[in-house]
Each structure stands twice: as structure tokens, then as C-alpha cells.
């Protein structure tokens, strides 16, 4: 049975598009049941519509985090969601929200992708931070979300090199190419029951 996903977005939606393309190509056994955004007018909403998904927008301005998350939870009740996939979602989910998405072992059924080899370079500007630090190798991490930022059991990591003449744009483009392959691949491993991880102890 396909894995039922809700994809949360805040921006242009390149990882959402990569997931939808993989589903269409038959390399990812999943269904994106809904796309939820906290930002109106972003490119990810257009991508969802191109694939026949009517996105749901819950603006996060001028509303408390509790109220905002309650609205999202109400929207999700219409779908039998197995995993929430964060794809450029620029909100931190509260512990009370996450506890509604535990698996049998107590881990959250919420995935995130981060553009560094965590625990290095957490935060919103990971590409810039890694580039400005002068790394020779960076990478992409897919992890389960917990109650800390850019933290939780790591499901997969893939490295990429910084080349001698790279601009920041070159560096980001190489990382995005990895993101767009790695995220669908990890979701497929989950769908097949093949994903393995170590419990995060720090």
C-alpha cells in the first residue's frame, strides 16, 4: 500500500516537486494526500496544483503557535496521514503537536531534510554557513523530527564536495541535486520498511 504523506511547505517547493515526480515515475510508493503551507502565494502551492492537489494554507502571522497547529491538526483529520514530510517548512513544530504523530516505538512520524551533515551547521542558513566556513565536503541529512531544532534520529546522510572554483550558487545547486534524490529515496525506504537509524543520545 502506498505511504500516505502530508507535505508541509513554506517556499518554492523544490523538494515537494522532487517527491511528486518520483511518485509519478513509479520510484516512490507513496501518495501526497495534502500539502499544507503557512505562507500564501509561495511557489510550492502552484506545484501542488499542477499535480492535482488542492493545497491548504494556514497563515501563521497574527496567530499563536497553539492556534495555528490546532488548525493544521483539524485539516489533517480529513486524511489518513502516516508521515508528515517537512519540505522547506519554516516553522518549528511544538512537542504537543509532535506527540500526535508517534510511532509504536515513540518516535515521531515527521521527517525533515537539512542541507548539512548534522550536527554540523544547524539553522536556516546552512548552505551559507558551511560555504563561508570553508568546508571541503558538506552534505544533506534526512532525519526524524524531535523537540529540538534540526535534531533527531538520522535516517540518511549523503555528502557532496565543494569544488575549488565553486560560487555559493554552485555549491547550493550541487546540494539541491542531492536533496532531490535523497528525500524520495528515504521515503521509499520507509515505505518498504527498510529504514534503519540509531537513537539520538545527545
N, C-alpha and C. Protein backbone atom coordinates (compact mmCIF):
# COMPACT_ATOMS: atom_id res chain seq x y z
N UNK A 1 0.84 -1.20 0.00
CA UNK A 1 0.00 0.00 0.00
C UNK A 1 0.88 1.25 0.00
N UNK A 2 0.53 2.24 -0.80
CA UNK A 2 1.30 3.48 -0.80
C UNK A 2 1.29 4.15 0.57
N UNK A 3 2.39 4.79 0.90
CA UNK A 3 2.53 5.53 2.15
C UNK A 3 1.81 6.87 2.00
N UNK A 4 0.91 7.17 2.93
CA UNK A 4 0.14 8.41 2.87
C UNK A 4 0.92 9.55 3.53
N UNK A 5 1.18 10.59 2.75
CA UNK A 5 2.01 11.70 3.20
C UNK A 5 1.23 13.00 3.25
N UNK A 6 1.58 13.84 4.22
CA UNK A 6 1.23 15.26 4.20
C UNK A 6 2.54 16.02 4.09
N UNK A 7 2.66 16.90 3.12
CA UNK A 7 3.88 17.66 2.93
C UNK A 7 3.64 19.09 3.39
N UNK A 8 4.49 19.56 4.31
CA UNK A 8 4.40 20.92 4.83
C UNK A 8 5.44 21.78 4.12
N UNK A 9 5.03 22.94 3.64
CA UNK A 9 5.91 23.80 2.83
C UNK A 9 5.78 25.26 3.26
N UNK A 10 6.83 26.02 2.95
CA UNK A 10 6.79 27.47 3.18
C UNK A 10 7.39 28.26 2.03
N UNK A 11 7.90 27.58 1.01
CA UNK A 11 8.64 28.29 -0.03
C UNK A 11 8.34 27.80 -1.43
N UNK A 12 9.39 27.70 -2.24
CA UNK A 12 9.20 27.45 -3.67
C UNK A 12 8.86 26.00 -3.99
N UNK A 13 9.18 25.06 -3.08
CA UNK A 13 8.66 23.71 -3.23
C UNK A 13 9.49 22.77 -4.07
N UNK A 14 10.81 22.95 -4.13
CA UNK A 14 11.61 22.07 -5.00
C UNK A 14 11.63 20.63 -4.48
N UNK A 15 11.65 20.45 -3.16
CA UNK A 15 11.62 19.08 -2.64
C UNK A 15 10.24 18.46 -2.77
N UNK A 16 9.19 19.26 -2.63
CA UNK A 16 7.84 18.76 -2.92
C UNK A 16 7.77 18.26 -4.35
N UNK A 17 8.30 19.04 -5.28
CA UNK A 17 8.26 18.64 -6.69
C UNK A 17 9.06 17.36 -6.91
N UNK A 18 10.21 17.23 -6.25
CA UNK A 18 11.01 16.01 -6.40
C UNK A 18 10.25 14.79 -5.91
N UNK A 19 9.52 14.93 -4.81
CA UNK A 19 8.72 13.83 -4.28
C UNK A 19 7.60 13.47 -5.24
N UNK A 20 6.90 14.47 -5.74
CA UNK A 20 5.79 14.23 -6.66
C UNK A 20 6.27 13.61 -7.97
N UNK A 21 7.43 14.05 -8.46
CA UNK A 21 7.99 13.47 -9.68
C UNK A 21 8.35 12.00 -9.46
N UNK A 22 8.90 11.69 -8.30
CA UNK A 22 9.27 10.30 -8.01
C UNK A 22 8.03 9.41 -7.92
N UNK A 23 6.96 9.93 -7.35
CA UNK A 23 5.70 9.18 -7.29
C UNK A 23 5.19 8.93 -8.70
N UNK A 24 5.19 9.98 -9.52
CA UNK A 24 4.69 9.85 -10.90
C UNK A 24 5.54 8.88 -11.70
N UNK A 25 6.84 8.87 -11.45
CA UNK A 25 7.75 7.98 -12.18
C UNK A 25 7.68 6.53 -11.69
N UNK A 26 7.01 6.31 -10.58
CA UNK A 26 6.89 4.96 -10.05
C UNK A 26 8.04 4.50 -9.19
N UNK A 27 8.94 5.42 -8.83
CA UNK A 27 10.08 5.05 -7.98
C UNK A 27 9.81 5.29 -6.50
N UNK A 28 8.67 5.90 -6.19
CA UNK A 28 8.28 6.15 -4.80
C UNK A 28 6.85 5.69 -4.62
N UNK A 29 6.67 4.69 -3.75
CA UNK A 29 5.35 4.13 -3.49
C UNK A 29 4.69 4.91 -2.36
N UNK A 30 4.15 6.06 -2.72
CA UNK A 30 3.54 6.95 -1.74
C UNK A 30 2.47 7.79 -2.42
N UNK A 31 1.64 8.41 -1.60
CA UNK A 31 0.66 9.38 -2.08
C UNK A 31 0.77 10.64 -1.25
N UNK A 32 0.86 11.77 -1.91
CA UNK A 32 0.77 13.04 -1.19
C UNK A 32 -0.71 13.38 -1.07
N UNK A 33 -1.24 13.15 0.13
CA UNK A 33 -2.67 13.34 0.34
C UNK A 33 -3.03 14.81 0.49
N UNK A 34 -2.10 15.59 1.03
CA UNK A 34 -2.35 17.02 1.18
C UNK A 34 -1.03 17.77 1.27
N UNK A 35 -1.06 19.02 0.87
CA UNK A 35 0.07 19.94 1.01
C UNK A 35 -0.42 21.10 1.86
N UNK A 36 0.31 21.38 2.93
CA UNK A 36 -0.08 22.43 3.87
C UNK A 36 1.03 23.47 3.94
N UNK A 37 0.64 24.74 3.85
CA UNK A 37 1.61 25.84 3.90
C UNK A 37 1.18 26.87 4.94
N UNK A 38 2.17 27.48 5.56
CA UNK A 38 1.90 28.62 6.44
C UNK A 38 2.07 29.94 5.71
N UNK A 39 2.44 29.88 4.44
CA UNK A 39 2.69 31.09 3.65
C UNK A 39 1.83 31.09 2.40
N UNK A 40 0.95 32.08 2.24
CA UNK A 40 0.18 32.18 1.00
C UNK A 40 1.07 32.67 -0.15
N UNK A 41 0.74 32.26 -1.35
CA UNK A 41 1.40 32.81 -2.53
C UNK A 41 2.76 32.25 -2.86
N UNK A 42 3.19 31.19 -2.20
CA UNK A 42 4.52 30.65 -2.49
C UNK A 42 4.45 29.64 -3.64
N UNK A 43 5.60 29.39 -4.25
CA UNK A 43 5.66 28.54 -5.43
C UNK A 43 5.22 27.11 -5.19
N UNK A 44 5.41 26.61 -3.97
CA UNK A 44 5.01 25.23 -3.67
C UNK A 44 3.52 25.01 -3.88
N UNK A 45 2.72 26.03 -3.67
CA UNK A 45 1.27 25.89 -3.85
C UNK A 45 0.94 25.65 -5.31
N UNK A 46 1.64 26.34 -6.20
CA UNK A 46 1.43 26.13 -7.64
C UNK A 46 1.85 24.73 -8.05
N UNK A 47 2.95 24.25 -7.48
CA UNK A 47 3.41 22.89 -7.80
C UNK A 47 2.37 21.87 -7.38
N UNK A 48 1.82 22.03 -6.18
CA UNK A 48 0.78 21.11 -5.71
C UNK A 48 -0.39 21.08 -6.69
N UNK A 49 -0.82 22.24 -7.12
CA UNK A 49 -1.97 22.31 -8.04
C UNK A 49 -1.65 21.66 -9.38
N UNK A 50 -0.41 21.80 -9.83
CA UNK A 50 -0.01 21.17 -11.10
C UNK A 50 -0.14 19.64 -11.04
N UNK A 51 -0.04 19.09 -9.84
CA UNK A 51 -0.16 17.65 -9.65
C UNK A 51 -1.54 17.25 -9.12
N UNK A 52 -2.50 18.15 -9.24
CA UNK A 52 -3.87 17.83 -8.88
C UNK A 52 -4.17 17.83 -7.39
N UNK A 53 -3.33 18.49 -6.62
CA UNK A 53 -3.53 18.57 -5.17
C UNK A 53 -3.95 20.00 -4.82
N UNK A 54 -5.07 20.14 -4.17
CA UNK A 54 -5.51 21.47 -3.72
C UNK A 54 -4.86 21.75 -2.37
N UNK A 55 -3.89 22.67 -2.33
CA UNK A 55 -3.17 22.89 -1.08
C UNK A 55 -4.03 23.61 -0.04
N UNK A 56 -3.64 23.46 1.19
CA UNK A 56 -4.31 24.12 2.32
C UNK A 56 -3.35 25.15 2.88
N UNK A 57 -3.81 26.37 3.04
CA UNK A 57 -2.97 27.44 3.57
C UNK A 57 -3.52 27.88 4.93
N UNK A 58 -2.66 27.80 5.93
CA UNK A 58 -2.98 28.32 7.27
C UNK A 58 -1.93 29.37 7.59
N UNK A 59 -2.19 30.65 7.31
CA UNK A 59 -1.20 31.69 7.60
C UNK A 59 -0.82 31.70 9.08
N UNK A 60 0.46 31.89 9.34
CA UNK A 60 0.95 31.84 10.72
C UNK A 60 1.12 33.22 11.34
N UNK A 61 0.91 34.27 10.56
CA UNK A 61 1.00 35.62 11.12
C UNK A 61 -0.22 35.92 11.97
N UNK A 62 0.01 36.67 13.04
CA UNK A 62 -1.06 37.15 13.92
C UNK A 62 -1.92 36.03 14.49
N UNK A 63 -1.30 34.91 14.76
CA UNK A 63 -1.99 33.80 15.41
C UNK A 63 -0.96 33.06 16.27
N UNK A 64 -1.38 32.58 17.42
CA UNK A 64 -0.45 31.87 18.29
C UNK A 64 -0.05 30.53 17.67
N UNK A 65 1.08 30.01 18.11
CA UNK A 65 1.52 28.72 17.59
C UNK A 65 0.49 27.64 17.92
N UNK A 66 -0.08 27.69 19.12
CA UNK A 66 -1.08 26.70 19.50
C UNK A 66 -2.30 26.75 18.59
N UNK A 67 -2.80 27.96 18.32
CA UNK A 67 -3.95 28.09 17.44
C UNK A 67 -3.62 27.62 16.02
N UNK A 68 -2.44 28.00 15.56
CA UNK A 68 -2.02 27.62 14.21
C UNK A 68 -1.94 26.10 14.07
N UNK A 69 -1.33 25.45 15.04
CA UNK A 69 -1.19 24.00 14.97
C UNK A 69 -2.53 23.29 15.13
N UNK A 70 -3.43 23.85 15.92
CA UNK A 70 -4.77 23.26 16.04
C UNK A 70 -5.49 23.27 14.70
N UNK A 71 -5.33 24.35 13.94
CA UNK A 71 -5.96 24.42 12.62
C UNK A 71 -5.36 23.38 11.67
N UNK A 72 -4.06 23.20 11.76
CA UNK A 72 -3.42 22.18 10.92
C UNK A 72 -3.93 20.79 11.30
N UNK A 73 -3.99 20.51 12.59
CA UNK A 73 -4.47 19.20 13.05
C UNK A 73 -5.89 18.95 12.56
N UNK A 74 -6.73 19.96 12.59
CA UNK A 74 -8.10 19.81 12.11
C UNK A 74 -8.11 19.47 10.62
N UNK A 75 -7.24 20.12 9.85
CA UNK A 75 -7.16 19.83 8.41
C UNK A 75 -6.68 18.41 8.16
N UNK A 76 -5.74 17.94 8.96
CA UNK A 76 -5.17 16.60 8.75
C UNK A 76 -6.17 15.49 9.06
N UNK A 77 -7.17 15.79 9.85
CA UNK A 77 -8.15 14.76 10.23
C UNK A 77 -8.92 14.22 9.02
N UNK A 78 -8.96 14.98 7.95
CA UNK A 78 -9.66 14.52 6.74
C UNK A 78 -8.87 13.48 5.96
N UNK A 79 -7.63 13.24 6.36
CA UNK A 79 -6.74 12.33 5.64
C UNK A 79 -6.17 11.29 6.61
N UNK A 80 -5.86 10.14 6.11
CA UNK A 80 -5.21 9.11 6.92
C UNK A 80 -3.69 9.22 6.72
N UNK A 81 -3.11 10.19 7.40
CA UNK A 81 -1.70 10.51 7.19
C UNK A 81 -0.82 9.58 8.01
N UNK A 82 0.17 8.99 7.34
CA UNK A 82 1.13 8.13 8.02
C UNK A 82 2.42 8.89 8.38
N UNK A 83 2.85 9.78 7.50
CA UNK A 83 4.05 10.58 7.78
C UNK A 83 3.83 12.01 7.33
N UNK A 84 4.32 12.93 8.14
CA UNK A 84 4.42 14.34 7.74
C UNK A 84 5.83 14.56 7.21
N UNK A 85 5.92 15.18 6.05
CA UNK A 85 7.20 15.45 5.41
C UNK A 85 7.40 16.96 5.37
N UNK A 86 8.40 17.44 6.07
CA UNK A 86 8.72 18.87 6.06
C UNK A 86 9.64 19.13 4.87
N UNK A 87 9.18 20.01 3.98
CA UNK A 87 9.94 20.31 2.76
C UNK A 87 10.09 21.82 2.65
N UNK A 88 11.08 22.33 3.38
CA UNK A 88 11.25 23.78 3.42
C UNK A 88 10.19 24.46 4.27
N UNK A 89 9.74 23.79 5.31
CA UNK A 89 8.72 24.35 6.20
C UNK A 89 9.43 25.14 7.29
N UNK A 90 9.15 26.44 7.36
CA UNK A 90 9.93 27.34 8.20
C UNK A 90 9.23 27.64 9.53
N UNK A 91 8.61 26.63 10.09
CA UNK A 91 8.00 26.73 11.42
C UNK A 91 8.53 25.58 12.28
N UNK A 92 8.71 25.86 13.55
CA UNK A 92 9.11 24.82 14.49
C UNK A 92 7.84 24.20 15.08
N UNK A 93 7.72 22.89 14.96
CA UNK A 93 6.54 22.20 15.48
C UNK A 93 6.71 21.95 16.98
N UNK A 94 5.65 22.19 17.72
CA UNK A 94 5.70 22.08 19.17
C UNK A 94 5.68 20.61 19.60
N UNK A 95 6.19 20.32 20.81
CA UNK A 95 6.11 18.95 21.33
C UNK A 95 4.67 18.43 21.40
N UNK A 96 3.72 19.30 21.72
CA UNK A 96 2.33 18.85 21.81
C UNK A 96 1.78 18.44 20.45
N UNK A 97 2.22 19.12 19.38
CA UNK A 97 1.82 18.71 18.03
C UNK A 97 2.49 17.39 17.66
N UNK A 98 3.78 17.29 17.93
CA UNK A 98 4.53 16.10 17.54
C UNK A 98 4.03 14.84 18.23
N UNK A 99 3.56 14.96 19.46
CA UNK A 99 3.16 13.76 20.20
C UNK A 99 1.95 13.07 19.57
N UNK A 100 1.24 13.78 18.69
CA UNK A 100 0.12 13.17 17.98
C UNK A 100 0.57 12.29 16.82
N UNK A 101 1.88 12.29 16.55
CA UNK A 101 2.39 11.55 15.40
C UNK A 101 3.52 10.60 15.79
N UNK A 102 3.37 9.96 16.96
CA UNK A 102 4.33 8.96 17.40
C UNK A 102 4.09 7.64 16.69
N UNK A 103 5.17 6.90 16.46
CA UNK A 103 5.00 5.51 16.04
C UNK A 103 4.99 4.61 17.29
N UNK A 104 4.96 3.30 17.08
CA UNK A 104 4.85 2.37 18.21
C UNK A 104 6.04 2.47 19.17
N UNK A 105 7.17 2.91 18.65
CA UNK A 105 8.37 3.00 19.49
C UNK A 105 8.51 4.35 20.17
N UNK A 106 7.60 5.27 19.88
CA UNK A 106 7.65 6.59 20.49
C UNK A 106 8.40 7.62 19.68
N UNK A 107 8.85 7.26 18.47
CA UNK A 107 9.50 8.23 17.60
C UNK A 107 8.44 8.96 16.77
N UNK A 108 8.74 10.19 16.42
CA UNK A 108 7.77 10.99 15.66
C UNK A 108 7.77 10.59 14.20
N UNK A 109 6.58 10.50 13.62
CA UNK A 109 6.43 10.20 12.20
C UNK A 109 6.44 11.50 11.39
N UNK A 110 7.49 12.27 11.64
CA UNK A 110 7.68 13.56 10.97
C UNK A 110 9.11 13.60 10.45
N UNK A 111 9.27 13.84 9.15
CA UNK A 111 10.58 13.85 8.51
C UNK A 111 11.00 15.27 8.18
N UNK A 112 12.31 15.49 8.23
CA UNK A 112 12.86 16.77 7.78
C UNK A 112 14.12 16.51 6.97
N UNK A 113 14.37 17.41 6.04
CA UNK A 113 15.62 17.37 5.28
C UNK A 113 16.38 18.65 5.59
N UNK A 114 17.69 18.51 5.83
CA UNK A 114 18.51 19.66 6.22
C UNK A 114 19.77 19.69 5.36
N UNK A 115 20.14 20.88 4.86
CA UNK A 115 21.27 20.97 3.93
C UNK A 115 22.64 21.06 4.60
N UNK A 116 22.93 20.12 5.48
CA UNK A 116 24.27 19.95 6.02
C UNK A 116 24.37 18.55 6.58
N UNK A 117 25.57 18.17 6.96
CA UNK A 117 25.77 16.89 7.64
C UNK A 117 25.60 17.14 9.14
N UNK A 118 24.36 17.08 9.59
CA UNK A 118 24.11 17.32 11.01
C UNK A 118 24.93 16.35 11.86
N UNK A 119 25.41 16.81 13.02
CA UNK A 119 25.04 18.03 13.73
C UNK A 119 25.79 19.30 13.31
N UNK A 120 26.58 19.25 12.26
CA UNK A 120 27.25 20.47 11.78
C UNK A 120 26.24 21.40 11.11
N UNK A 121 26.41 22.68 11.33
CA UNK A 121 25.67 23.74 10.64
C UNK A 121 24.14 23.58 10.71
N UNK A 122 23.58 23.54 11.91
CA UNK A 122 22.13 23.61 12.01
C UNK A 122 21.65 25.02 11.70
N UNK A 123 20.35 25.20 11.58
CA UNK A 123 19.80 26.54 11.37
C UNK A 123 19.38 26.79 9.94
N UNK A 124 18.85 27.99 9.72
CA UNK A 124 18.19 28.30 8.45
C UNK A 124 19.16 28.63 7.31
N UNK A 125 20.42 28.91 7.61
CA UNK A 125 21.37 29.31 6.56
C UNK A 125 22.51 28.31 6.43
N UNK A 126 22.17 27.04 6.42
CA UNK A 126 23.21 26.01 6.48
C UNK A 126 24.14 26.03 5.27
N UNK A 127 23.59 26.22 4.07
CA UNK A 127 24.46 26.29 2.89
C UNK A 127 25.46 27.43 3.03
N UNK A 128 24.96 28.61 3.38
CA UNK A 128 25.83 29.77 3.52
C UNK A 128 26.85 29.56 4.63
N UNK A 129 26.39 29.02 5.76
CA UNK A 129 27.30 28.82 6.89
C UNK A 129 28.42 27.85 6.54
N UNK A 130 28.07 26.75 5.88
CA UNK A 130 29.10 25.77 5.50
C UNK A 130 30.06 26.36 4.48
N UNK A 131 29.52 27.07 3.50
CA UNK A 131 30.35 27.66 2.45
C UNK A 131 31.30 28.70 3.05
N UNK A 132 30.78 29.56 3.90
CA UNK A 132 31.60 30.62 4.49
C UNK A 132 32.63 30.08 5.47
N UNK A 133 32.36 28.92 6.04
CA UNK A 133 33.32 28.29 6.95
C UNK A 133 34.49 27.70 6.17
N UNK A 134 34.27 27.44 4.88
CA UNK A 134 35.34 26.90 4.05
C UNK A 134 35.41 25.39 4.01
N UNK A 135 34.26 24.73 4.19
CA UNK A 135 34.28 23.26 4.19
C UNK A 135 34.74 22.72 2.84
N UNK A 136 35.38 21.58 2.86
CA UNK A 136 35.74 20.87 1.63
C UNK A 136 34.63 19.90 1.22
N UNK A 137 33.92 19.39 2.23
CA UNK A 137 32.82 18.46 1.99
C UNK A 137 31.64 18.90 2.85
N UNK A 138 30.48 18.95 2.25
CA UNK A 138 29.25 19.17 3.01
C UNK A 138 28.30 18.03 2.67
N UNK A 139 27.04 18.21 2.93
CA UNK A 139 26.12 17.12 2.64
C UNK A 139 24.70 17.43 3.05
N UNK A 140 23.86 16.42 2.95
CA UNK A 140 22.43 16.53 3.21
C UNK A 140 22.06 15.47 4.24
N UNK A 141 21.18 15.84 5.15
CA UNK A 141 20.70 14.93 6.19
C UNK A 141 19.18 14.83 6.13
N UNK A 142 18.67 13.61 6.19
CA UNK A 142 17.24 13.38 6.40
C UNK A 142 17.10 12.76 7.79
N UNK A 143 16.24 13.34 8.60
CA UNK A 143 16.11 12.87 9.98
C UNK A 143 14.67 12.92 10.45
N UNK A 144 14.39 12.15 11.50
CA UNK A 144 13.12 12.27 12.19
C UNK A 144 13.16 13.52 13.06
N UNK A 145 12.05 14.20 13.15
CA UNK A 145 11.98 15.44 13.93
C UNK A 145 11.71 15.10 15.39
N UNK A 146 12.41 15.79 16.29
CA UNK A 146 12.07 15.70 17.70
C UNK A 146 11.82 17.11 18.24
N UNK A 147 11.91 17.29 19.54
CA UNK A 147 11.53 18.58 20.12
C UNK A 147 12.65 19.61 20.11
N UNK A 148 13.76 19.30 19.43
CA UNK A 148 14.83 20.27 19.25
C UNK A 148 14.92 20.65 17.78
N UNK A 149 15.58 21.76 17.50
CA UNK A 149 15.67 22.25 16.12
C UNK A 149 16.80 21.53 15.38
N UNK A 150 16.49 21.04 14.16
CA UNK A 150 17.48 20.33 13.33
C UNK A 150 18.16 19.23 14.13
N UNK A 151 17.34 18.41 14.74
CA UNK A 151 17.81 17.38 15.66
C UNK A 151 16.85 16.20 15.58
N UNK A 152 17.35 15.03 15.88
CA UNK A 152 16.52 13.84 15.88
C UNK A 152 17.24 12.71 15.18
N UNK A 153 16.74 11.48 15.31
CA UNK A 153 17.40 10.32 14.72
C UNK A 153 17.65 10.49 13.22
N UNK A 154 18.89 10.26 12.81
CA UNK A 154 19.29 10.45 11.42
C UNK A 154 18.94 9.20 10.61
N UNK A 155 18.19 9.41 9.53
CA UNK A 155 17.80 8.31 8.66
C UNK A 155 18.78 8.10 7.52
N UNK A 156 19.33 9.20 7.00
CA UNK A 156 20.28 9.09 5.89
C UNK A 156 21.09 10.37 5.79
N UNK A 157 22.32 10.22 5.33
CA UNK A 157 23.18 11.37 5.02
C UNK A 157 23.92 11.07 3.73
N UNK A 158 24.08 12.10 2.92
CA UNK A 158 24.85 11.95 1.69
C UNK A 158 25.73 13.19 1.52
N UNK A 159 27.01 12.95 1.27
CA UNK A 159 27.97 14.04 1.16
C UNK A 159 28.11 14.50 -0.28
N UNK A 160 28.54 15.73 -0.44
CA UNK A 160 28.95 16.24 -1.75
C UNK A 160 30.15 17.16 -1.54
N UNK A 161 30.98 17.27 -2.57
CA UNK A 161 32.22 18.03 -2.46
C UNK A 161 32.01 19.48 -2.85
N UNK A 162 32.80 20.32 -2.21
CA UNK A 162 32.93 21.70 -2.67
C UNK A 162 34.13 21.76 -3.61
N UNK A 163 33.89 22.22 -4.83
CA UNK A 163 34.97 22.29 -5.81
C UNK A 163 35.71 23.61 -5.69
N UNK A 164 36.93 23.64 -6.21
CA UNK A 164 37.83 24.76 -5.98
C UNK A 164 37.26 26.09 -6.44
N UNK A 165 36.56 26.10 -7.57
CA UNK A 165 36.06 27.36 -8.12
C UNK A 165 34.58 27.59 -7.85
N UNK A 166 34.02 26.86 -6.91
CA UNK A 166 32.59 26.99 -6.62
C UNK A 166 32.24 28.39 -6.12
N UNK A 167 31.18 28.93 -6.68
CA UNK A 167 30.50 30.05 -6.04
C UNK A 167 29.49 29.48 -5.06
N UNK A 168 28.91 30.34 -4.24
CA UNK A 168 27.86 29.88 -3.34
C UNK A 168 26.71 29.27 -4.13
N UNK A 169 26.37 29.87 -5.27
CA UNK A 169 25.29 29.35 -6.10
C UNK A 169 25.61 27.95 -6.62
N UNK A 170 26.88 27.73 -7.02
CA UNK A 170 27.30 26.40 -7.48
C UNK A 170 27.16 25.38 -6.35
N UNK A 171 27.62 25.78 -5.19
CA UNK A 171 27.61 24.92 -4.01
C UNK A 171 26.17 24.52 -3.65
N UNK A 172 25.28 25.51 -3.65
CA UNK A 172 23.87 25.24 -3.34
C UNK A 172 23.24 24.32 -4.39
N UNK A 173 23.54 24.57 -5.65
CA UNK A 173 22.95 23.77 -6.73
C UNK A 173 23.36 22.31 -6.60
N UNK A 174 24.62 22.08 -6.23
CA UNK A 174 25.07 20.70 -6.07
C UNK A 174 24.37 20.04 -4.88
N UNK A 175 24.18 20.81 -3.82
CA UNK A 175 23.46 20.28 -2.66
C UNK A 175 22.00 19.99 -2.96
N UNK A 176 21.35 20.88 -3.69
CA UNK A 176 19.94 20.67 -4.03
C UNK A 176 19.75 19.42 -4.88
N UNK A 177 20.69 19.17 -5.78
CA UNK A 177 20.60 17.95 -6.59
C UNK A 177 20.62 16.71 -5.70
N UNK A 178 21.42 16.75 -4.65
CA UNK A 178 21.45 15.63 -3.70
C UNK A 178 20.13 15.56 -2.93
N UNK A 179 19.64 16.71 -2.46
CA UNK A 179 18.36 16.74 -1.74
C UNK A 179 17.26 16.05 -2.54
N UNK A 180 17.18 16.40 -3.82
CA UNK A 180 16.06 15.95 -4.65
C UNK A 180 16.11 14.45 -4.95
N UNK A 181 17.27 13.84 -4.79
CA UNK A 181 17.37 12.38 -4.92
C UNK A 181 17.20 11.69 -3.56
N UNK A 182 17.80 12.27 -2.54
CA UNK A 182 17.86 11.61 -1.24
C UNK A 182 16.49 11.54 -0.55
N UNK A 183 15.74 12.63 -0.59
CA UNK A 183 14.47 12.65 0.14
C UNK A 183 13.49 11.59 -0.37
N UNK A 184 13.21 11.53 -1.68
CA UNK A 184 12.33 10.46 -2.16
C UNK A 184 12.88 9.06 -1.86
N UNK A 185 14.20 8.90 -1.93
CA UNK A 185 14.81 7.60 -1.66
C UNK A 185 14.55 7.15 -0.22
N UNK A 186 14.71 8.06 0.72
CA UNK A 186 14.49 7.72 2.13
C UNK A 186 13.01 7.41 2.38
N UNK A 187 12.13 8.19 1.79
CA UNK A 187 10.69 7.93 1.96
C UNK A 187 10.34 6.56 1.40
N UNK A 188 10.95 6.18 0.28
CA UNK A 188 10.71 4.85 -0.28
C UNK A 188 11.22 3.76 0.67
N UNK A 189 12.36 3.98 1.29
CA UNK A 189 12.86 3.01 2.26
C UNK A 189 11.89 2.84 3.42
N UNK A 190 11.29 3.94 3.86
CA UNK A 190 10.28 3.86 4.93
C UNK A 190 9.08 3.07 4.45
N UNK A 191 8.65 3.34 3.22
CA UNK A 191 7.51 2.63 2.64
C UNK A 191 7.75 1.12 2.60
N UNK A 192 9.00 0.73 2.35
CA UNK A 192 9.37 -0.68 2.27
C UNK A 192 9.74 -1.28 3.62
N UNK A 193 9.74 -0.46 4.66
CA UNK A 193 10.13 -0.94 5.99
C UNK A 193 11.60 -1.24 6.12
N UNK A 194 12.43 -0.57 5.32
CA UNK A 194 13.86 -0.88 5.29
C UNK A 194 14.74 0.18 5.95
N UNK A 195 14.13 1.24 6.46
CA UNK A 195 14.95 2.32 7.02
C UNK A 195 15.48 1.89 8.38
N UNK A 196 16.73 2.30 8.66
CA UNK A 196 17.37 1.97 9.93
C UNK A 196 17.97 3.24 10.50
N UNK A 197 17.89 3.38 11.81
CA UNK A 197 18.52 4.55 12.43
C UNK A 197 18.95 4.20 13.85
N UNK A 198 19.84 5.05 14.36
CA UNK A 198 20.29 4.94 15.75
C UNK A 198 19.59 6.02 16.56
N UNK A 199 19.24 5.67 17.79
CA UNK A 199 18.59 6.66 18.64
C UNK A 199 19.54 7.80 18.94
N UNK A 200 19.02 9.03 18.86
CA UNK A 200 19.82 10.23 19.12
C UNK A 200 20.02 10.36 20.63
N UNK A 201 21.27 10.35 21.11
CA UNK A 201 21.52 10.33 22.55
C UNK A 201 22.07 11.65 23.08
N UNK A 202 22.10 12.68 22.23
CA UNK A 202 22.59 13.98 22.69
C UNK A 202 21.59 15.05 22.34
